[in-house]
PDB file of N, CA and C in Angstrom:
ATOM      1  N   UNK A   1     -12.367 -14.383   5.264  1.00  0.00           N
ATOM      2  CA  UNK A   1     -12.078 -14.213   6.667  1.00  0.00           C
ATOM      3  C   UNK A   1     -11.127 -13.038   6.806  1.00  0.00           C
ATOM      4  N   UNK A   2     -11.435 -12.108   7.684  1.00  0.00           N
ATOM      5  CA  UNK A   2     -10.595 -10.929   7.839  1.00  0.00           C
ATOM      6  C   UNK A   2      -9.354 -11.250   8.655  1.00  0.00           C
ATOM      7  N   UNK A   3      -8.377 -10.366   8.554  1.00  0.00           N
ATOM      8  CA  UNK A   3      -7.106 -10.577   9.243  1.00  0.00           C
ATOM      9  C   UNK A   3      -7.294 -10.572  10.759  1.00  0.00           C
ATOM     10  N   UNK A   4      -8.217  -9.739  11.257  1.00  0.00           N
ATOM     11  CA  UNK A   4      -8.438  -9.701  12.700  1.00  0.00           C
ATOM     12  C   UNK A   4      -9.060 -10.994  13.204  1.00  0.00           C
ATOM     13  N   UNK A   5      -9.941 -11.608  12.412  1.00  0.00           N
ATOM     14  CA  UNK A   5     -10.529 -12.885  12.806  1.00  0.00           C
ATOM     15  C   UNK A   5      -9.461 -13.964  12.890  1.00  0.00           C
ATOM     16  N   UNK A   6      -8.501 -13.945  11.959  1.00  0.00           N
ATOM     17  CA  UNK A   6      -7.429 -14.931  11.948  1.00  0.00           C
ATOM     18  C   UNK A   6      -6.586 -14.792  13.200  1.00  0.00           C
ATOM     19  N   UNK A   7      -6.228 -13.577  13.578  1.00  0.00           N
ATOM     20  CA  UNK A   7      -5.392 -13.358  14.749  1.00  0.00           C
ATOM     21  C   UNK A   7      -6.087 -13.824  16.023  1.00  0.00           C
ATOM     22  N   UNK A   8      -7.392 -13.672  16.091  1.00  0.00           N
ATOM     23  CA  UNK A   8      -8.112 -14.041  17.295  1.00  0.00           C
ATOM     24  C   UNK A   8      -8.314 -15.544  17.421  1.00  0.00           C
ATOM     25  N   UNK A   9      -8.393 -16.262  16.320  1.00  0.00           N
ATOM     26  CA  UNK A   9      -8.723 -17.679  16.386  1.00  0.00           C
ATOM     27  C   UNK A   9      -7.529 -18.599  16.207  1.00  0.00           C
ATOM     28  N   UNK A  10      -6.356 -18.089  15.855  1.00  0.00           N
ATOM     29  CA  UNK A  10      -5.195 -18.961  15.672  1.00  0.00           C
ATOM     30  C   UNK A  10      -4.308 -18.894  16.905  1.00  0.00           C
ATOM     31  N   UNK A  11      -4.084 -20.055  17.504  1.00  0.00           N
ATOM     32  CA  UNK A  11      -3.255 -20.095  18.703  1.00  0.00           C
ATOM     33  C   UNK A  11      -1.931 -20.802  18.469  1.00  0.00           C
ATOM     34  N   UNK A  12      -1.797 -21.495  17.361  1.00  0.00           N
ATOM     35  CA  UNK A  12      -0.546 -22.157  17.018  1.00  0.00           C
ATOM     36  C   UNK A  12      -0.387 -22.157  15.501  1.00  0.00           C
ATOM     37  N   UNK A  13       0.837 -22.343  14.984  1.00  0.00           N
ATOM     38  CA  UNK A  13       1.083 -22.223  13.540  1.00  0.00           C
ATOM     39  C   UNK A  13       0.195 -23.101  12.658  1.00  0.00           C
ATOM     40  N   UNK A  14      -0.111 -24.318  13.093  1.00  0.00           N
ATOM     41  CA  UNK A  14      -0.934 -25.184  12.251  1.00  0.00           C
ATOM     42  C   UNK A  14      -2.371 -24.687  12.141  1.00  0.00           C
ATOM     43  N   UNK A  15      -2.807 -23.809  13.063  1.00  0.00           N
ATOM     44  CA  UNK A  15      -4.136 -23.213  12.938  1.00  0.00           C
ATOM     45  C   UNK A  15      -4.245 -22.383  11.669  1.00  0.00           C
ATOM     46  N   UNK A  16      -3.132 -21.774  11.229  1.00  0.00           N
ATOM     47  CA  UNK A  16      -3.157 -20.998   9.988  1.00  0.00           C
ATOM     48  C   UNK A  16      -3.527 -21.875   8.807  1.00  0.00           C
ATOM     49  N   UNK A  17      -3.021 -23.096   8.787  1.00  0.00           N
ATOM     50  CA  UNK A  17      -3.370 -24.014   7.701  1.00  0.00           C
ATOM     51  C   UNK A  17      -4.862 -24.283   7.735  1.00  0.00           C
ATOM     52  N   UNK A  18      -5.375 -24.558   8.909  1.00  0.00           N
ATOM     53  CA  UNK A  18      -6.784 -24.882   9.077  1.00  0.00           C
ATOM     54  C   UNK A  18      -7.666 -23.704   8.664  1.00  0.00           C
ATOM     55  N   UNK A  19      -7.252 -22.471   8.971  1.00  0.00           N
ATOM     56  CA  UNK A  19      -8.089 -21.300   8.752  1.00  0.00           C
ATOM     57  C   UNK A  19      -7.953 -20.681   7.368  1.00  0.00           C
ATOM     58  N   UNK A  20      -6.756 -20.708   6.793  1.00  0.00           N
ATOM     59  CA  UNK A  20      -6.498 -19.906   5.611  1.00  0.00           C
ATOM     60  C   UNK A  20      -6.391 -20.682   4.313  1.00  0.00           C
ATOM     61  N   UNK A  21      -6.093 -21.954   4.375  1.00  0.00           N
ATOM     62  CA  UNK A  21      -5.875 -22.713   3.156  1.00  0.00           C
ATOM     63  C   UNK A  21      -7.021 -23.672   2.908  1.00  0.00           C
ATOM     64  N   UNK A  22      -7.224 -23.997   1.658  1.00  0.00           N
ATOM     65  CA  UNK A  22      -8.221 -25.001   1.297  1.00  0.00           C
ATOM     66  C   UNK A  22      -7.533 -26.359   1.396  1.00  0.00           C
ATOM     67  N   UNK A  23      -7.259 -26.778   2.628  1.00  0.00           N
ATOM     68  CA  UNK A  23      -6.464 -27.980   2.828  1.00  0.00           C
ATOM     69  C   UNK A  23      -7.334 -29.223   2.784  1.00  0.00           C
ATOM     70  N   UNK A  24      -6.726 -30.306   2.356  1.00  0.00           N
ATOM     71  CA  UNK A  24      -7.373 -31.607   2.398  1.00  0.00           C
ATOM     72  C   UNK A  24      -6.860 -32.395   3.598  1.00  0.00           C
ATOM     73  N   UNK A  25      -5.579 -32.252   3.895  1.00  0.00           N
ATOM     74  CA  UNK A  25      -4.977 -32.965   5.023  1.00  0.00           C
ATOM     75  C   UNK A  25      -3.634 -32.335   5.363  1.00  0.00           C
ATOM     76  N   UNK A  26      -3.206 -32.508   6.603  1.00  0.00           N
ATOM     77  CA  UNK A  26      -1.879 -32.085   7.024  1.00  0.00           C
ATOM     78  C   UNK A  26      -1.521 -32.852   8.291  1.00  0.00           C
ATOM     79  N   UNK A  27      -0.264 -32.809   8.674  1.00  0.00           N
ATOM     80  CA  UNK A  27       0.170 -33.471   9.898  1.00  0.00           C
ATOM     81  C   UNK A  27       1.132 -32.567  10.659  1.00  0.00           C
ATOM     82  N   UNK A  28       1.638 -33.049  11.778  1.00  0.00           N
ATOM     83  CA  UNK A  28       2.496 -32.223  12.628  1.00  0.00           C
ATOM     84  C   UNK A  28       3.845 -31.902  11.991  1.00  0.00           C
ATOM     85  N   UNK A  29       4.237 -32.620  10.937  1.00  0.00           N
ATOM     86  CA  UNK A  29       5.478 -32.330  10.219  1.00  0.00           C
ATOM     87  C   UNK A  29       5.258 -31.270   9.146  1.00  0.00           C
ATOM     88  N   UNK A  30       4.030 -30.792   9.027  1.00  0.00           N
ATOM     89  CA  UNK A  30       3.630 -29.783   8.046  1.00  0.00           C
ATOM     90  C   UNK A  30       3.590 -30.349   6.629  1.00  0.00           C
ATOM     91  N   UNK A  31       3.489 -31.677   6.472  1.00  0.00           N
ATOM     92  CA  UNK A  31       3.173 -32.244   5.164  1.00  0.00           C
ATOM     93  C   UNK A  31       1.737 -31.830   4.873  1.00  0.00           C
ATOM     94  N   UNK A  32       1.489 -31.309   3.685  1.00  0.00           N
ATOM     95  CA  UNK A  32       0.182 -30.737   3.377  1.00  0.00           C
ATOM     96  C   UNK A  32      -0.313 -31.272   2.037  1.00  0.00           C
ATOM     97  N   UNK A  33      -1.603 -31.580   1.963  1.00  0.00           N
ATOM     98  CA  UNK A  33      -2.253 -31.907   0.701  1.00  0.00           C
ATOM     99  C   UNK A  33      -3.243 -30.782   0.430  1.00  0.00           C
ATOM    100  N   UNK A  34      -3.042 -30.067  -0.677  1.00  0.00           N
ATOM    101  CA  UNK A  34      -3.883 -28.925  -1.035  1.00  0.00           C
ATOM    102  C   UNK A  34      -4.691 -29.244  -2.277  1.00  0.00           C
ATOM    103  N   UNK A  35      -5.895 -28.690  -2.341  1.00  0.00           N
ATOM    104  CA  UNK A  35      -6.682 -28.822  -3.564  1.00  0.00           C
ATOM    105  C   UNK A  35      -6.841 -27.440  -4.189  1.00  0.00           C
ATOM    106  N   UNK A  36      -6.972 -27.400  -5.497  1.00  0.00           N
ATOM    107  CA  UNK A  36      -7.109 -26.147  -6.256  1.00  0.00           C
ATOM    108  C   UNK A  36      -6.022 -25.143  -5.869  1.00  0.00           C
ATOM    109  N   UNK A  37      -4.779 -25.606  -5.884  1.00  0.00           N
ATOM    110  CA  UNK A  37      -3.645 -24.773  -5.470  1.00  0.00           C
ATOM    111  C   UNK A  37      -3.094 -23.984  -6.651  1.00  0.00           C
ATOM    112  N   UNK A  38      -2.661 -22.772  -6.376  1.00  0.00           N
ATOM    113  CA  UNK A  38      -1.977 -21.940  -7.364  1.00  0.00           C
ATOM    114  C   UNK A  38      -0.566 -21.705  -6.841  1.00  0.00           C
ATOM    115  N   UNK A  39       0.414 -22.231  -7.562  1.00  0.00           N
ATOM    116  CA  UNK A  39       1.817 -22.084  -7.188  1.00  0.00           C
ATOM    117  C   UNK A  39       2.397 -20.913  -7.972  1.00  0.00           C
ATOM    118  N   UNK A  40       3.035 -19.985  -7.285  1.00  0.00           N
ATOM    119  CA  UNK A  40       3.679 -18.848  -7.936  1.00  0.00           C
ATOM    120  C   UNK A  40       5.176 -18.933  -7.679  1.00  0.00           C
ATOM    121  N   UNK A  41       5.947 -18.929  -8.762  1.00  0.00           N
ATOM    122  CA  UNK A  41       7.400 -19.012  -8.674  1.00  0.00           C
ATOM    123  C   UNK A  41       7.972 -17.682  -9.149  1.00  0.00           C
ATOM    124  N   UNK A  42       8.792 -17.055  -8.309  1.00  0.00           N
ATOM    125  CA  UNK A  42       9.438 -15.797  -8.647  1.00  0.00           C
ATOM    126  C   UNK A  42      10.895 -16.072  -8.973  1.00  0.00           C
ATOM    127  N   UNK A  43      11.382 -15.431 -10.045  1.00  0.00           N
ATOM    128  CA  UNK A  43      12.742 -15.689 -10.499  1.00  0.00           C
ATOM    129  C   UNK A  43      13.352 -14.397 -11.024  1.00  0.00           C
ATOM    130  N   UNK A  44      14.610 -14.164 -10.685  1.00  0.00           N
ATOM    131  CA  UNK A  44      15.372 -13.048 -11.250  1.00  0.00           C
ATOM    132  C   UNK A  44      16.414 -13.667 -12.164  1.00  0.00           C
ATOM    133  N   UNK A  45      16.316 -13.340 -13.454  1.00  0.00           N
ATOM    134  CA  UNK A  45      17.241 -13.922 -14.424  1.00  0.00           C
ATOM    135  C   UNK A  45      18.628 -13.314 -14.270  1.00  0.00           C
ATOM    136  N   UNK A  46      19.641 -14.111 -14.574  1.00  0.00           N
ATOM    137  CA  UNK A  46      21.024 -13.660 -14.473  1.00  0.00           C
ATOM    138  C   UNK A  46      21.266 -12.476 -15.399  1.00  0.00           C
ATOM    139  N   UNK A  47      21.941 -11.461 -14.888  1.00  0.00           N
ATOM    140  CA  UNK A  47      22.266 -10.290 -15.690  1.00  0.00           C
ATOM    141  C   UNK A  47      21.105  -9.321 -15.860  1.00  0.00           C
ATOM    142  N   UNK A  48      20.004  -9.546 -15.150  1.00  0.00           N
ATOM    143  CA  UNK A  48      18.840  -8.680 -15.257  1.00  0.00           C
ATOM    144  C   UNK A  48      18.289  -8.415 -13.861  1.00  0.00           C
ATOM    145  N   UNK A  49      17.722  -7.233 -13.681  1.00  0.00           N
ATOM    146  CA  UNK A  49      17.085  -6.896 -12.408  1.00  0.00           C
ATOM    147  C   UNK A  49      15.582  -7.148 -12.460  1.00  0.00           C
ATOM    148  N   UNK A  50      15.108  -7.677 -13.565  1.00  0.00           N
ATOM    149  CA  UNK A  50      13.671  -7.880 -13.756  1.00  0.00           C
ATOM    150  C   UNK A  50      13.186  -9.123 -13.002  1.00  0.00           C
ATOM    151  N   UNK A  51      12.117  -8.942 -12.232  1.00  0.00           N
ATOM    152  CA  UNK A  51      11.505 -10.046 -11.495  1.00  0.00           C
ATOM    153  C   UNK A  51      10.453 -10.700 -12.384  1.00  0.00           C
ATOM    154  N   UNK A  52      10.622 -11.990 -12.629  1.00  0.00           N
ATOM    155  CA  UNK A  52       9.715 -12.739 -13.492  1.00  0.00           C
ATOM    156  C   UNK A  52       8.905 -13.691 -12.621  1.00  0.00           C
ATOM    157  N   UNK A  53       7.598 -13.757 -12.849  1.00  0.00           N
ATOM    158  CA  UNK A  53       6.778 -14.691 -12.078  1.00  0.00           C
ATOM    159  C   UNK A  53       6.061 -15.655 -13.020  1.00  0.00           C
ATOM    160  N   UNK A  54       5.958 -16.891 -12.570  1.00  0.00           N
ATOM    161  CA  UNK A  54       5.279 -17.944 -13.311  1.00  0.00           C
ATOM    162  C   UNK A  54       4.283 -18.592 -12.367  1.00  0.00           C
ATOM    163  N   UNK A  55       3.059 -18.829 -12.842  1.00  0.00           N
ATOM    164  CA  UNK A  55       2.069 -19.491 -12.004  1.00  0.00           C
ATOM    165  C   UNK A  55       1.696 -20.841 -12.596  1.00  0.00           C
ATOM    166  N   UNK A  56       1.357 -21.752 -11.718  1.00  0.00           N
ATOM    167  CA  UNK A  56       0.966 -23.098 -12.121  1.00  0.00           C
ATOM    168  C   UNK A  56      -0.244 -23.502 -11.283  1.00  0.00           C
ATOM    169  N   UNK A  57      -1.326 -23.909 -11.928  1.00  0.00           N
ATOM    170  CA  UNK A  57      -2.524 -24.370 -11.235  1.00  0.00           C
ATOM    171  C   UNK A  57      -2.477 -25.885 -11.095  1.00  0.00           C
ATOM    172  N   UNK A  58      -2.796 -26.378  -9.905  1.00  0.00           N
ATOM    173  CA  UNK A  58      -2.811 -27.817  -9.651  1.00  0.00           C
ATOM    174  C   UNK A  58      -4.133 -28.193  -9.006  1.00  0.00           C
ATOM    175  N   UNK A  59      -4.754 -29.249  -9.505  1.00  0.00           N
ATOM    176  CA  UNK A  59      -6.013 -29.715  -8.928  1.00  0.00           C
ATOM    177  C   UNK A  59      -5.789 -30.256  -7.517  1.00  0.00           C
ATOM    178  N   UNK A  60      -4.699 -30.999  -7.343  1.00  0.00           N
ATOM    179  CA  UNK A  60      -4.318 -31.493  -6.017  1.00  0.00           C
ATOM    180  C   UNK A  60      -2.793 -31.484  -5.937  1.00  0.00           C
ATOM    181  N   UNK A  61      -2.273 -31.121  -4.776  1.00  0.00           N
ATOM    182  CA  UNK A  61      -0.836 -30.931  -4.630  1.00  0.00           C
ATOM    183  C   UNK A  61      -0.387 -31.416  -3.256  1.00  0.00           C
ATOM    184  N   UNK A  62       0.667 -32.234  -3.222  1.00  0.00           N
ATOM    185  CA  UNK A  62       1.276 -32.665  -1.967  1.00  0.00           C
ATOM    186  C   UNK A  62       2.532 -31.837  -1.745  1.00  0.00           C
ATOM    187  N   UNK A  63       2.634 -31.216  -0.588  1.00  0.00           N
ATOM    188  CA  UNK A  63       3.808 -30.423  -0.238  1.00  0.00           C
ATOM    189  C   UNK A  63       4.484 -31.102   0.948  1.00  0.00           C
ATOM    190  N   UNK A  64       5.727 -31.500   0.750  1.00  0.00           N
ATOM    191  CA  UNK A  64       6.481 -32.159   1.825  1.00  0.00           C
ATOM    192  C   UNK A  64       6.847 -31.129   2.890  1.00  0.00           C
ATOM    193  N   UNK A  65       6.631 -31.461   4.132  1.00  0.00           N
ATOM    194  CA  UNK A  65       6.780 -30.522   5.242  1.00  0.00           C
ATOM    195  C   UNK A  65       8.126 -29.851   5.348  1.00  0.00           C
ATOM    196  N   UNK A  66       9.216 -30.567   5.053  1.00  0.00           N
ATOM    197  CA  UNK A  66      10.529 -29.937   5.193  1.00  0.00           C
ATOM    198  C   UNK A  66      10.817 -28.930   4.093  1.00  0.00           C
ATOM    199  N   UNK A  67       9.938 -28.829   3.088  1.00  0.00           N
ATOM    200  CA  UNK A  67      10.104 -27.807   2.056  1.00  0.00           C
ATOM    201  C   UNK A  67       9.184 -26.608   2.289  1.00  0.00           C
ATOM    202  N   UNK A  68       8.379 -26.645   3.345  1.00  0.00           N
ATOM    203  CA  UNK A  68       7.499 -25.520   3.671  1.00  0.00           C
ATOM    204  C   UNK A  68       8.330 -24.446   4.356  1.00  0.00           C
ATOM    205  N   UNK A  69       8.332 -23.259   3.770  1.00  0.00           N
ATOM    206  CA  UNK A  69       9.089 -22.142   4.321  1.00  0.00           C
ATOM    207  C   UNK A  69       8.155 -21.131   4.965  1.00  0.00           C
ATOM    208  N   UNK A  70       7.023 -20.875   4.317  1.00  0.00           N
ATOM    209  CA  UNK A  70       6.113 -19.842   4.792  1.00  0.00           C
ATOM    210  C   UNK A  70       4.684 -20.244   4.493  1.00  0.00           C
ATOM    211  N   UNK A  71       3.808 -20.033   5.451  1.00  0.00           N
ATOM    212  CA  UNK A  71       2.375 -20.217   5.244  1.00  0.00           C
ATOM    213  C   UNK A  71       1.730 -18.898   5.597  1.00  0.00           C
ATOM    214  N   UNK A  72       1.002 -18.315   4.651  1.00  0.00           N
ATOM    215  CA  UNK A  72       0.363 -17.032   4.913  1.00  0.00           C
ATOM    216  C   UNK A  72      -0.970 -16.969   4.195  1.00  0.00           C
ATOM    217  N   UNK A  73      -1.746 -15.972   4.548  1.00  0.00           N
ATOM    218  CA  UNK A  73      -3.031 -15.781   3.884  1.00  0.00           C
ATOM    219  C   UNK A  73      -2.796 -15.207   2.498  1.00  0.00           C
ATOM    220  N   UNK A  74      -3.703 -15.477   1.554  1.00  0.00           N
ATOM    221  CA  UNK A  74      -3.541 -14.923   0.204  1.00  0.00           C
ATOM    222  C   UNK A  74      -3.703 -13.407   0.236  1.00  0.00           C
ATOM    223  N   UNK A  75      -2.969 -12.724  -0.630  1.00  0.00           N
ATOM    224  CA  UNK A  75      -3.069 -11.266  -0.679  1.00  0.00           C
ATOM    225  C   UNK A  75      -4.368 -10.867  -1.361  1.00  0.00           C
ATOM    226  N   UNK A  76      -4.917  -9.747  -0.945  1.00  0.00           N
ATOM    227  CA  UNK A  76      -6.138  -9.222  -1.560  1.00  0.00           C
ATOM    228  C   UNK A  76      -5.753  -8.402  -2.771  1.00  0.00           C
ATOM    229  N   UNK A  77      -5.904  -8.979  -3.955  1.00  0.00           N
ATOM    230  CA  UNK A  77      -5.532  -8.275  -5.189  1.00  0.00           C
ATOM    231  C   UNK A  77      -6.758  -7.843  -5.926  1.00  0.00           C
TER     232      UNK A  77
END
C-alpha cells in the first residue's frame, strides 16, 4: 500500500493499525496482538557512539497499549 493511499484512507490513529500492520486484534487502549512480528531494538553502548541494533522474530506478540510509543508503516529497504 502506498503512502498516499494510507493518507487518504486513515481518519484516526487506530486506522493506521488496521491499514499498515498484520494485526490479529486491538482495542481502544491500543493493546495489540501482532502475528509474524519483527522487533528491532536500538542501543547505544556506554562510552561508545556506535548504534547497535538487535532484531527478534515472534510468531505472535502481545503489546500492552501503555507501552506503545509509535505506530508507523515499515520502511522500504
